[in-house]
């Protein structure tokens, strides 16, 4: 690898982060699907559904939405309380975790 290639930073996708966790109004129950612009995996991604009552399915949905969603997706699909509860269980790229870290840390700091 050339030294120029070693110095070149990797590509990082923009991360949609609201100004406040209070903007996260996603449901905690029900079944939702995602648009193919966010979730395109498998032979019929538009047919995949996530049951928000199931903690592990909600976790999977949050991982996808926080990584690939836009600000409207994040606001509508992610729930503040559930995000804080599941934050340490989420498998997120480092740049996504870093972008969200200030809001998460502020919410967890005792007043």
PDB file of N, CA and C in Angstrom:
ATOM      1  N   UNK A   1       0.853  -1.173   0.000  1.00  0.00           N
ATOM      2  CA  UNK A   1       0.000   0.000   0.000  1.00  0.00           C
ATOM      3  C   UNK A   1       0.893   1.229   0.000  1.00  0.00           C
ATOM      4  N   UNK A   2       0.564   2.182  -0.834  1.00  0.00           N
ATOM      5  CA  UNK A   2       1.358   3.404  -0.878  1.00  0.00           C
ATOM      6  C   UNK A   2       1.095   4.230   0.369  1.00  0.00           C
ATOM      7  N   UNK A   3       2.033   5.123   0.667  1.00  0.00           N
ATOM      8  CA  UNK A   3       1.849   5.962   1.850  1.00  0.00           C
ATOM      9  C   UNK A   3       0.678   6.912   1.658  1.00  0.00           C
ATOM     10  N   UNK A   4       0.421   7.338   0.400  1.00  0.00           N
ATOM     11  CA  UNK A   4      -0.727   8.213   0.136  1.00  0.00           C
ATOM     12  C   UNK A   4      -2.033   7.490   0.437  1.00  0.00           C
ATOM     13  N   UNK A   5      -2.120   6.212   0.050  1.00  0.00           N
ATOM     14  CA  UNK A   5      -3.324   5.433   0.323  1.00  0.00           C
ATOM     15  C   UNK A   5      -3.499   5.212   1.814  1.00  0.00           C
ATOM     16  N   UNK A   6      -2.423   5.039   2.533  1.00  0.00           N
ATOM     17  CA  UNK A   6      -2.503   4.813   3.971  1.00  0.00           C
ATOM     18  C   UNK A   6      -3.011   6.048   4.704  1.00  0.00           C
ATOM     19  N   UNK A   7      -2.741   7.233   4.157  1.00  0.00           N
ATOM     20  CA  UNK A   7      -3.164   8.480   4.813  1.00  0.00           C
ATOM     21  C   UNK A   7      -4.588   8.880   4.446  1.00  0.00           C
ATOM     22  N   UNK A   8      -5.111   8.358   3.370  1.00  0.00           N
ATOM     23  CA  UNK A   8      -6.438   8.747   2.896  1.00  0.00           C
ATOM     24  C   UNK A   8      -7.503   8.173   3.831  1.00  0.00           C
ATOM     25  N   UNK A   9      -8.390   9.022   4.340  1.00  0.00           N
ATOM     26  CA  UNK A   9      -9.433   8.505   5.252  1.00  0.00           C
ATOM     27  C   UNK A   9     -10.456   7.658   4.513  1.00  0.00           C
ATOM     28  N   UNK A  10     -11.068   6.774   5.227  1.00  0.00           N
ATOM     29  CA  UNK A  10     -12.115   5.931   4.647  1.00  0.00           C
ATOM     30  C   UNK A  10     -13.405   6.703   4.480  1.00  0.00           C
ATOM     31  N   UNK A  11     -14.280   6.186   3.646  1.00  0.00           N
ATOM     32  CA  UNK A  11     -15.568   6.808   3.420  1.00  0.00           C
ATOM     33  C   UNK A  11     -16.472   6.541   4.611  1.00  0.00           C
ATOM     34  N   UNK A  12     -17.167   7.563   5.041  1.00  0.00           N
ATOM     35  CA  UNK A  12     -18.105   7.434   6.152  1.00  0.00           C
ATOM     36  C   UNK A  12     -19.435   8.033   5.720  1.00  0.00           C
ATOM     37  N   UNK A  13     -20.490   7.260   5.861  1.00  0.00           N
ATOM     38  CA  UNK A  13     -21.841   7.697   5.510  1.00  0.00           C
ATOM     39  C   UNK A  13     -22.299   8.780   6.501  1.00  0.00           C
ATOM     40  N   UNK A  14     -23.007   9.825   6.019  1.00  0.00           N
ATOM     41  CA  UNK A  14     -23.564  10.821   6.939  1.00  0.00           C
ATOM     42  C   UNK A  14     -24.546  10.157   7.911  1.00  0.00           C
ATOM     43  N   UNK A  15     -24.611  10.682   9.119  1.00  0.00           N
ATOM     44  CA  UNK A  15     -25.474  10.113  10.152  1.00  0.00           C
ATOM     45  C   UNK A  15     -26.534  11.144  10.529  1.00  0.00           C
ATOM     46  N   UNK A  16     -27.803  10.731  10.498  1.00  0.00           N
ATOM     47  CA  UNK A  16     -28.908  11.613  10.870  1.00  0.00           C
ATOM     48  C   UNK A  16     -29.096  11.557  12.381  1.00  0.00           C
ATOM     49  N   UNK A  17     -28.837  12.684  13.034  1.00  0.00           N
ATOM     50  CA  UNK A  17     -28.962  12.777  14.489  1.00  0.00           C
ATOM     51  C   UNK A  17     -29.837  13.990  14.807  1.00  0.00           C
ATOM     52  N   UNK A  18     -30.901  13.812  15.563  1.00  0.00           N
ATOM     53  CA  UNK A  18     -31.758  14.956  15.904  1.00  0.00           C
ATOM     54  C   UNK A  18     -31.063  15.881  16.910  1.00  0.00           C
ATOM     55  N   UNK A  19     -31.640  17.040  17.119  1.00  0.00           N
ATOM     56  CA  UNK A  19     -31.090  17.972  18.101  1.00  0.00           C
ATOM     57  C   UNK A  19     -31.317  17.480  19.520  1.00  0.00           C
ATOM     58  N   UNK A  20     -32.375  16.690  19.707  1.00  0.00           N
ATOM     59  CA  UNK A  20     -32.742  16.213  21.038  1.00  0.00           C
ATOM     60  C   UNK A  20     -33.333  14.809  20.942  1.00  0.00           C
ATOM     61  N   UNK A  21     -33.092  14.005  21.966  1.00  0.00           N
ATOM     62  CA  UNK A  21     -33.704  12.674  22.011  1.00  0.00           C
ATOM     63  C   UNK A  21     -35.220  12.767  22.152  1.00  0.00           C
ATOM     64  N   UNK A  22     -35.721  13.894  22.624  1.00  0.00           N
ATOM     65  CA  UNK A  22     -37.161  14.074  22.761  1.00  0.00           C
ATOM     66  C   UNK A  22     -37.883  14.042  21.414  1.00  0.00           C
ATOM     67  N   UNK A  23     -37.142  14.193  20.325  1.00  0.00           N
ATOM     68  CA  UNK A  23     -37.727  14.132  18.983  1.00  0.00           C
ATOM     69  C   UNK A  23     -38.025  12.695  18.546  1.00  0.00           C
ATOM     70  N   UNK A  24     -37.519  11.713  19.288  1.00  0.00           N
ATOM     71  CA  UNK A  24     -37.672  10.309  18.915  1.00  0.00           C
ATOM     72  C   UNK A  24     -39.002   9.786  19.438  1.00  0.00           C
ATOM     73  N   UNK A  25     -39.976   9.681  18.542  1.00  0.00           N
ATOM     74  CA  UNK A  25     -41.342   9.352  18.943  1.00  0.00           C
ATOM     75  C   UNK A  25     -41.817   8.004  18.417  1.00  0.00           C
ATOM     76  N   UNK A  26     -40.886   7.131  18.072  1.00  0.00           N
ATOM     77  CA  UNK A  26     -41.253   5.833  17.520  1.00  0.00           C
ATOM     78  C   UNK A  26     -42.082   4.994  18.471  1.00  0.00           C
ATOM     79  N   UNK A  27     -42.898   4.146  17.905  1.00  0.00           N
ATOM     80  CA  UNK A  27     -43.773   3.261  18.681  1.00  0.00           C
ATOM     81  C   UNK A  27     -42.954   2.171  19.374  1.00  0.00           C
ATOM     82  N   UNK A  28     -43.526   1.623  20.425  1.00  0.00           N
ATOM     83  CA  UNK A  28     -42.913   0.503  21.144  1.00  0.00           C
ATOM     84  C   UNK A  28     -43.639  -0.813  20.858  1.00  0.00           C
ATOM     85  N   UNK A  29     -44.761  -0.718  20.183  1.00  0.00           N
ATOM     86  CA  UNK A  29     -45.523  -1.907  19.807  1.00  0.00           C
ATOM     87  C   UNK A  29     -45.962  -1.757  18.356  1.00  0.00           C
ATOM     88  N   UNK A  30     -46.437  -2.849  17.796  1.00  0.00           N
ATOM     89  CA  UNK A  30     -46.892  -2.830  16.418  1.00  0.00           C
ATOM     90  C   UNK A  30     -45.851  -3.451  15.501  1.00  0.00           C
ATOM     91  N   UNK A  31     -46.198  -3.512  14.244  1.00  0.00           N
ATOM     92  CA  UNK A  31     -45.341  -4.112  13.233  1.00  0.00           C
ATOM     93  C   UNK A  31     -45.069  -3.059  12.167  1.00  0.00           C
ATOM     94  N   UNK A  32     -43.805  -2.906  11.780  1.00  0.00           N
ATOM     95  CA  UNK A  32     -43.439  -1.910  10.778  1.00  0.00           C
ATOM     96  C   UNK A  32     -42.568  -2.536   9.686  1.00  0.00           C
ATOM     97  N   UNK A  33     -42.597  -1.911   8.542  1.00  0.00           N
ATOM     98  CA  UNK A  33     -41.706  -2.250   7.444  1.00  0.00           C
ATOM     99  C   UNK A  33     -40.844  -1.045   7.144  1.00  0.00           C
ATOM    100  N   UNK A  34     -39.792  -1.244   6.380  1.00  0.00           N
ATOM    101  CA  UNK A  34     -38.897  -0.155   6.013  1.00  0.00           C
ATOM    102  C   UNK A  34     -38.879   0.016   4.502  1.00  0.00           C
ATOM    103  N   UNK A  35     -38.689   1.252   4.060  1.00  0.00           N
ATOM    104  CA  UNK A  35     -38.548   1.458   2.614  1.00  0.00           C
ATOM    105  C   UNK A  35     -37.243   0.830   2.110  1.00  0.00           C
ATOM    106  N   UNK A  36     -37.226   0.440   0.850  1.00  0.00           N
ATOM    107  CA  UNK A  36     -36.030  -0.220   0.308  1.00  0.00           C
ATOM    108  C   UNK A  36     -34.835   0.724   0.225  1.00  0.00           C
ATOM    109  N   UNK A  37     -35.011   2.024   0.333  1.00  0.00           N
ATOM    110  CA  UNK A  37     -33.864   2.930   0.359  1.00  0.00           C
ATOM    111  C   UNK A  37     -33.070   2.779   1.650  1.00  0.00           C
ATOM    112  N   UNK A  38     -33.710   2.195   2.692  1.00  0.00           N
ATOM    113  CA  UNK A  38     -33.036   1.953   3.963  1.00  0.00           C
ATOM    114  C   UNK A  38     -32.675   0.480   4.120  1.00  0.00           C
ATOM    115  N   UNK A  39     -33.598  -0.392   3.746  1.00  0.00           N
ATOM    116  CA  UNK A  39     -33.401  -1.837   3.912  1.00  0.00           C
ATOM    117  C   UNK A  39     -33.617  -2.527   2.574  1.00  0.00           C
ATOM    118  N   UNK A  40     -32.559  -3.077   2.033  1.00  0.00           N
ATOM    119  CA  UNK A  40     -32.608  -3.668   0.697  1.00  0.00           C
ATOM    120  C   UNK A  40     -32.114  -5.109   0.679  1.00  0.00           C
ATOM    121  N   UNK A  41     -31.996  -5.728   1.825  1.00  0.00           N
ATOM    122  CA  UNK A  41     -31.417  -7.062   1.932  1.00  0.00           C
ATOM    123  C   UNK A  41     -32.435  -8.155   1.629  1.00  0.00           C
ATOM    124  N   UNK A  42     -31.992  -9.183   0.909  1.00  0.00           N
ATOM    125  CA  UNK A  42     -32.836 -10.339   0.644  1.00  0.00           C
ATOM    126  C   UNK A  42     -33.624 -10.217  -0.640  1.00  0.00           C
ATOM    127  N   UNK A  43     -34.358 -11.275  -0.982  1.00  0.00           N
ATOM    128  CA  UNK A  43     -35.091 -11.304  -2.248  1.00  0.00           C
ATOM    129  C   UNK A  43     -36.332 -10.405  -2.260  1.00  0.00           C
ATOM    130  N   UNK A  44     -36.908 -10.115  -1.099  1.00  0.00           N
ATOM    131  CA  UNK A  44     -38.112  -9.267  -1.037  1.00  0.00           C
ATOM    132  C   UNK A  44     -38.027  -8.349   0.189  1.00  0.00           C
ATOM    133  N   UNK A  45     -37.126  -7.383   0.172  1.00  0.00           N
ATOM    134  CA  UNK A  45     -36.943  -6.545   1.367  1.00  0.00           C
ATOM    135  C   UNK A  45     -38.193  -5.767   1.765  1.00  0.00           C
ATOM    136  N   UNK A  46     -39.025  -5.433   0.785  1.00  0.00           N
ATOM    137  CA  UNK A  46     -40.245  -4.676   1.100  1.00  0.00           C
ATOM    138  C   UNK A  46     -41.249  -5.507   1.887  1.00  0.00           C
ATOM    139  N   UNK A  47     -41.072  -6.814   1.916  1.00  0.00           N
ATOM    140  CA  UNK A  47     -41.998  -7.698   2.636  1.00  0.00           C
ATOM    141  C   UNK A  47     -41.545  -7.975   4.079  1.00  0.00           C
ATOM    142  N   UNK A  48     -40.353  -7.582   4.431  1.00  0.00           N
ATOM    143  CA  UNK A  48     -39.832  -7.851   5.777  1.00  0.00           C
ATOM    144  C   UNK A  48     -40.518  -6.916   6.770  1.00  0.00           C
ATOM    145  N   UNK A  49     -40.897  -7.480   7.908  1.00  0.00           N
ATOM    146  CA  UNK A  49     -41.564  -6.708   8.965  1.00  0.00           C
ATOM    147  C   UNK A  49     -40.834  -6.907  10.283  1.00  0.00           C
ATOM    148  N   UNK A  50     -40.886  -5.877  11.126  1.00  0.00           N
ATOM    149  CA  UNK A  50     -40.283  -5.913  12.453  1.00  0.00           C
ATOM    150  C   UNK A  50     -41.382  -5.710  13.483  1.00  0.00           C
ATOM    151  N   UNK A  51     -41.507  -6.657  14.407  1.00  0.00           N
ATOM    152  CA  UNK A  51     -42.461  -6.556  15.499  1.00  0.00           C
ATOM    153  C   UNK A  51     -41.774  -5.786  16.625  1.00  0.00           C
ATOM    154  N   UNK A  52     -42.220  -4.562  16.861  1.00  0.00           N
ATOM    155  CA  UNK A  52     -41.573  -3.692  17.840  1.00  0.00           C
ATOM    156  C   UNK A  52     -41.747  -4.169  19.275  1.00  0.00           C
ATOM    157  N   UNK A  53     -42.679  -5.064  19.512  1.00  0.00           N
ATOM    158  CA  UNK A  53     -42.869  -5.615  20.859  1.00  0.00           C
ATOM    159  C   UNK A  53     -41.764  -6.601  21.223  1.00  0.00           C
ATOM    160  N   UNK A  54     -41.071  -7.101  20.219  1.00  0.00           N
ATOM    161  CA  UNK A  54     -39.974  -8.048  20.445  1.00  0.00           C
ATOM    162  C   UNK A  54     -38.664  -7.267  20.513  1.00  0.00           C
ATOM    163  N   UNK A  55     -38.052  -7.281  21.671  1.00  0.00           N
ATOM    164  CA  UNK A  55     -36.851  -6.481  21.926  1.00  0.00           C
ATOM    165  C   UNK A  55     -35.764  -6.701  20.870  1.00  0.00           C
ATOM    166  N   UNK A  56     -35.497  -7.951  20.506  1.00  0.00           N
ATOM    167  CA  UNK A  56     -34.427  -8.217  19.549  1.00  0.00           C
ATOM    168  C   UNK A  56     -34.774  -7.718  18.143  1.00  0.00           C
ATOM    169  N   UNK A  57     -36.043  -7.730  17.784  1.00  0.00           N
ATOM    170  CA  UNK A  57     -36.442  -7.204  16.473  1.00  0.00           C
ATOM    171  C   UNK A  57     -36.374  -5.676  16.460  1.00  0.00           C
ATOM    172  N   UNK A  58     -36.752  -5.060  17.582  1.00  0.00           N
ATOM    173  CA  UNK A  58     -36.640  -3.603  17.686  1.00  0.00           C
ATOM    174  C   UNK A  58     -35.163  -3.199  17.612  1.00  0.00           C
ATOM    175  N   UNK A  59     -34.294  -3.973  18.249  1.00  0.00           N
ATOM    176  CA  UNK A  59     -32.850  -3.713  18.193  1.00  0.00           C
ATOM    177  C   UNK A  59     -32.370  -3.770  16.741  1.00  0.00           C
ATOM    178  N   UNK A  60     -32.766  -4.803  16.019  1.00  0.00           N
ATOM    179  CA  UNK A  60     -32.368  -4.938  14.619  1.00  0.00           C
ATOM    180  C   UNK A  60     -32.838  -3.734  13.793  1.00  0.00           C
ATOM    181  N   UNK A  61     -34.071  -3.321  14.003  1.00  0.00           N
ATOM    182  CA  UNK A  61     -34.622  -2.176  13.285  1.00  0.00           C
ATOM    183  C   UNK A  61     -33.826  -0.916  13.600  1.00  0.00           C
ATOM    184  N   UNK A  62     -33.525  -0.694  14.873  1.00  0.00           N
ATOM    185  CA  UNK A  62     -32.774   0.509  15.266  1.00  0.00           C
ATOM    186  C   UNK A  62     -31.389   0.522  14.631  1.00  0.00           C
ATOM    187  N   UNK A  63     -30.744  -0.613  14.565  1.00  0.00           N
ATOM    188  CA  UNK A  63     -29.421  -0.678  13.933  1.00  0.00           C
ATOM    189  C   UNK A  63     -29.495  -0.227  12.477  1.00  0.00           C
ATOM    190  N   UNK A  64     -30.528  -0.658  11.772  1.00  0.00           N
ATOM    191  CA  UNK A  64     -30.700  -0.293  10.363  1.00  0.00           C
ATOM    192  C   UNK A  64     -31.043   1.182  10.232  1.00  0.00           C
ATOM    193  N   UNK A  65     -32.006   1.650  11.000  1.00  0.00           N
ATOM    194  CA  UNK A  65     -32.473   3.026  10.882  1.00  0.00           C
ATOM    195  C   UNK A  65     -31.381   4.021  11.299  1.00  0.00           C
ATOM    196  N   UNK A  66     -30.677   3.748  12.380  1.00  0.00           N
ATOM    197  CA  UNK A  66     -29.628   4.678  12.815  1.00  0.00           C
ATOM    198  C   UNK A  66     -28.467   4.728  11.822  1.00  0.00           C
ATOM    199  N   UNK A  67     -28.237   3.647  11.113  1.00  0.00           N
ATOM    200  CA  UNK A  67     -27.126   3.587  10.164  1.00  0.00           C
ATOM    201  C   UNK A  67     -27.512   4.126   8.786  1.00  0.00           C
ATOM    202  N   UNK A  68     -28.726   3.834   8.332  1.00  0.00           N
ATOM    203  CA  UNK A  68     -29.095   4.150   6.948  1.00  0.00           C
ATOM    204  C   UNK A  68     -30.245   5.146   6.810  1.00  0.00           C
ATOM    205  N   UNK A  69     -30.963   5.431   7.870  1.00  0.00           N
ATOM    206  CA  UNK A  69     -32.137   6.289   7.765  1.00  0.00           C
ATOM    207  C   UNK A  69     -31.814   7.765   7.715  1.00  0.00           C
ATOM    208  N   UNK A  70     -32.791   8.538   7.236  1.00  0.00           N
ATOM    209  CA  UNK A  70     -32.652   9.989   7.281  1.00  0.00           C
ATOM    210  C   UNK A  70     -33.292  10.488   8.582  1.00  0.00           C
ATOM    211  N   UNK A  71     -33.263  11.790   8.797  1.00  0.00           N
ATOM    212  CA  UNK A  71     -33.746  12.341  10.059  1.00  0.00           C
ATOM    213  C   UNK A  71     -35.222  12.040  10.303  1.00  0.00           C
ATOM    214  N   UNK A  72     -36.040  12.084   9.270  1.00  0.00           N
ATOM    215  CA  UNK A  72     -37.460  11.752   9.439  1.00  0.00           C
ATOM    216  C   UNK A  72     -37.639  10.293   9.846  1.00  0.00           C
ATOM    217  N   UNK A  73     -36.864   9.391   9.237  1.00  0.00           N
ATOM    218  CA  UNK A  73     -36.933   7.969   9.605  1.00  0.00           C
ATOM    219  C   UNK A  73     -36.581   7.788  11.075  1.00  0.00           C
ATOM    220  N   UNK A  74     -35.513   8.414  11.495  1.00  0.00           N
ATOM    221  CA  UNK A  74     -35.046   8.294  12.877  1.00  0.00           C
ATOM    222  C   UNK A  74     -36.110   8.810  13.833  1.00  0.00           C
ATOM    223  N   UNK A  75     -36.651   9.980  13.555  1.00  0.00           N
ATOM    224  CA  UNK A  75     -37.665  10.571  14.445  1.00  0.00           C
ATOM    225  C   UNK A  75     -38.918   9.700  14.551  1.00  0.00           C
ATOM    226  N   UNK A  76     -39.339   9.113  13.435  1.00  0.00           N
ATOM    227  CA  UNK A  76     -40.592   8.367  13.411  1.00  0.00           C
ATOM    228  C   UNK A  76     -40.467   6.925  13.882  1.00  0.00           C
ATOM    229  N   UNK A  77     -39.293   6.322  13.730  1.00  0.00           N
ATOM    230  CA  UNK A  77     -39.157   4.895  14.001  1.00  0.00           C
ATOM    231  C   UNK A  77     -38.422   4.553  15.293  1.00  0.00           C
ATOM    232  N   UNK A  78     -37.662   5.485  15.814  1.00  0.00           N
ATOM    233  CA  UNK A  78     -36.880   5.216  17.026  1.00  0.00           C
ATOM    234  C   UNK A  78     -37.570   5.876  18.216  1.00  0.00           C
ATOM    235  N   UNK A  79     -37.640   5.148  19.308  1.00  0.00           N
ATOM    236  CA  UNK A  79     -38.249   5.634  20.539  1.00  0.00           C
ATOM    237  C   UNK A  79     -37.140   5.999  21.528  1.00  0.00           C
ATOM    238  N   UNK A  80     -37.238   7.167  22.120  1.00  0.00           N
ATOM    239  CA  UNK A  80     -36.219   7.664  23.040  1.00  0.00           C
ATOM    240  C   UNK A  80     -35.914   6.669  24.154  1.00  0.00           C
ATOM    241  N   UNK A  81     -36.939   6.267  24.866  1.00  0.00           N
ATOM    242  CA  UNK A  81     -36.758   5.371  26.012  1.00  0.00           C
ATOM    243  C   UNK A  81     -36.142   4.036  25.593  1.00  0.00           C
ATOM    244  N   UNK A  82     -36.635   3.468  24.497  1.00  0.00           N
ATOM    245  CA  UNK A  82     -36.112   2.184  24.026  1.00  0.00           C
ATOM    246  C   UNK A  82     -34.673   2.317  23.540  1.00  0.00           C
ATOM    247  N   UNK A  83     -34.359   3.426  22.880  1.00  0.00           N
ATOM    248  CA  UNK A  83     -32.981   3.630  22.417  1.00  0.00           C
ATOM    249  C   UNK A  83     -32.022   3.673  23.601  1.00  0.00           C
ATOM    250  N   UNK A  84     -32.363   4.422  24.624  1.00  0.00           N
ATOM    251  CA  UNK A  84     -31.496   4.488  25.805  1.00  0.00           C
ATOM    252  C   UNK A  84     -31.368   3.130  26.474  1.00  0.00           C
ATOM    253  N   UNK A  85     -32.463   2.401  26.529  1.00  0.00           N
ATOM    254  CA  UNK A  85     -32.459   1.080  27.152  1.00  0.00           C
ATOM    255  C   UNK A  85     -31.603   0.079  26.375  1.00  0.00           C
ATOM    256  N   UNK A  86     -31.612   0.175  25.058  1.00  0.00           N
ATOM    257  CA  UNK A  86     -30.935  -0.811  24.228  1.00  0.00           C
ATOM    258  C   UNK A  86     -29.593  -0.328  23.659  1.00  0.00           C
ATOM    259  N   UNK A  87     -29.173   0.869  23.988  1.00  0.00           N
ATOM    260  CA  UNK A  87     -27.983   1.464  23.389  1.00  0.00           C
ATOM    261  C   UNK A  87     -26.759   0.549  23.447  1.00  0.00           C
ATOM    262  N   UNK A  88     -26.475  -0.034  24.583  1.00  0.00           N
ATOM    263  CA  UNK A  88     -25.265  -0.858  24.702  1.00  0.00           C
ATOM    264  C   UNK A  88     -25.384  -2.170  23.937  1.00  0.00           C
ATOM    265  N   UNK A  89     -26.595  -2.577  23.574  1.00  0.00           N
ATOM    266  CA  UNK A  89     -26.803  -3.822  22.825  1.00  0.00           C
ATOM    267  C   UNK A  89     -26.771  -3.631  21.313  1.00  0.00           C
ATOM    268  N   UNK A  90     -26.786  -2.383  20.859  1.00  0.00           N
ATOM    269  CA  UNK A  90     -26.832  -2.116  19.424  1.00  0.00           C
ATOM    270  C   UNK A  90     -25.468  -2.326  18.787  1.00  0.00           C
ATOM    271  N   UNK A  91     -25.468  -3.007  17.642  1.00  0.00           N
ATOM    272  CA  UNK A  91     -24.255  -3.190  16.853  1.00  0.00           C
ATOM    273  C   UNK A  91     -24.267  -2.100  15.791  1.00  0.00           C
ATOM    274  N   UNK A  92     -23.438  -1.079  16.014  1.00  0.00           N
ATOM    275  CA  UNK A  92     -23.408   0.084  15.129  1.00  0.00           C
ATOM    276  C   UNK A  92     -21.992   0.347  14.637  1.00  0.00           C
ATOM    277  N   UNK A  93     -21.865   0.877  13.419  1.00  0.00           N
ATOM    278  CA  UNK A  93     -20.543   1.284  12.956  1.00  0.00           C
ATOM    279  C   UNK A  93     -19.983   2.366  13.900  1.00  0.00           C
ATOM    280  N   UNK A  94     -18.679   2.435  14.035  1.00  0.00           N
ATOM    281  CA  UNK A  94     -18.074   3.404  14.964  1.00  0.00           C
ATOM    282  C   UNK A  94     -18.500   4.851  14.710  1.00  0.00           C
ATOM    283  N   UNK A  95     -18.640   5.255  13.435  1.00  0.00           N
ATOM    284  CA  UNK A  95     -19.012   6.642  13.157  1.00  0.00           C
ATOM    285  C   UNK A  95     -20.455   6.933  13.555  1.00  0.00           C
ATOM    286  N   UNK A  96     -21.332   5.935  13.523  1.00  0.00           N
ATOM    287  CA  UNK A  96     -22.710   6.129  13.962  1.00  0.00           C
ATOM    288  C   UNK A  96     -22.737   6.278  15.477  1.00  0.00           C
ATOM    289  N   UNK A  97     -22.048   5.388  16.161  1.00  0.00           N
ATOM    290  CA  UNK A  97     -21.986   5.457  17.624  1.00  0.00           C
ATOM    291  C   UNK A  97     -21.390   6.799  18.069  1.00  0.00           C
ATOM    292  N   UNK A  98     -20.333   7.242  17.402  1.00  0.00           N
ATOM    293  CA  UNK A  98     -19.685   8.513  17.762  1.00  0.00           C
ATOM    294  C   UNK A  98     -20.623   9.698  17.537  1.00  0.00           C
ATOM    295  N   UNK A  99     -21.396   9.675  16.466  1.00  0.00           N
ATOM    296  CA  UNK A  99     -22.320  10.773  16.173  1.00  0.00           C
ATOM    297  C   UNK A  99     -23.420  10.880  17.222  1.00  0.00           C
ATOM    298  N   UNK A 100     -23.881   9.739  17.722  1.00  0.00           N
ATOM    299  CA  UNK A 100     -24.955   9.717  18.714  1.00  0.00           C
ATOM    300  C   UNK A 100     -24.458   9.871  20.146  1.00  0.00           C
ATOM    301  N   UNK A 101     -23.189   9.599  20.383  1.00  0.00           N
ATOM    302  CA  UNK A 101     -22.638   9.568  21.747  1.00  0.00           C
ATOM    303  C   UNK A 101     -22.977  10.810  22.580  1.00  0.00           C
ATOM    304  N   UNK A 102     -22.841  12.059  22.072  1.00  0.00           N
ATOM    305  CA  UNK A 102     -23.160  13.220  22.922  1.00  0.00           C
ATOM    306  C   UNK A 102     -24.606  13.214  23.441  1.00  0.00           C
ATOM    307  N   UNK A 103     -25.560  12.890  22.582  1.00  0.00           N
ATOM    308  CA  UNK A 103     -26.958  12.850  23.037  1.00  0.00           C
ATOM    309  C   UNK A 103     -27.188  11.743  24.059  1.00  0.00           C
ATOM    310  N   UNK A 104     -26.616  10.587  23.818  1.00  0.00           N
ATOM    311  CA  UNK A 104     -26.786   9.452  24.729  1.00  0.00           C
ATOM    312  C   UNK A 104     -26.131   9.776  26.080  1.00  0.00           C
ATOM    313  N   UNK A 105     -24.921  10.296  26.038  1.00  0.00           N
ATOM    314  CA  UNK A 105     -24.221  10.630  27.280  1.00  0.00           C
ATOM    315  C   UNK A 105     -24.966  11.695  28.080  1.00  0.00           C
ATOM    316  N   UNK A 106     -25.484  12.718  27.395  1.00  0.00           N
ATOM    317  CA  UNK A 106     -26.250  13.771  28.078  1.00  0.00           C
ATOM    318  C   UNK A 106     -27.497  13.196  28.743  1.00  0.00           C
ATOM    319  N   UNK A 107     -28.165  12.282  28.071  1.00  0.00           N
ATOM    320  CA  UNK A 107     -29.387  11.697  28.618  1.00  0.00           C
ATOM    321  C   UNK A 107     -29.100  10.803  29.801  1.00  0.00           C
ATOM    322  N   UNK A 108     -27.912  10.234  29.857  1.00  0.00           N
ATOM    323  CA  UNK A 108     -27.564   9.315  30.954  1.00  0.00           C
ATOM    324  C   UNK A 108     -26.889  10.017  32.124  1.00  0.00           C
ATOM    325  N   UNK A 109     -26.534  11.288  31.959  1.00  0.00           N
ATOM    326  CA  UNK A 109     -25.888  12.044  33.027  1.00  0.00           C
ATOM    327  C   UNK A 109     -26.964  12.525  34.006  1.00  0.00           C
ATOM    328  N   UNK A 110     -26.791  12.199  35.286  1.00  0.00           N
ATOM    329  CA  UNK A 110     -27.777  12.652  36.277  1.00  0.00           C
ATOM    330  C   UNK A 110     -27.837  14.183  36.323  1.00  0.00           C
ATOM    331  N   UNK A 111     -29.034  14.694  36.454  1.00  0.00           N
ATOM    332  CA  UNK A 111     -29.232  16.164  36.482  1.00  0.00           C
ATOM    333  C   UNK A 111     -28.853  16.744  37.819  1.00  0.00           C
TER     334      UNK A 111
END
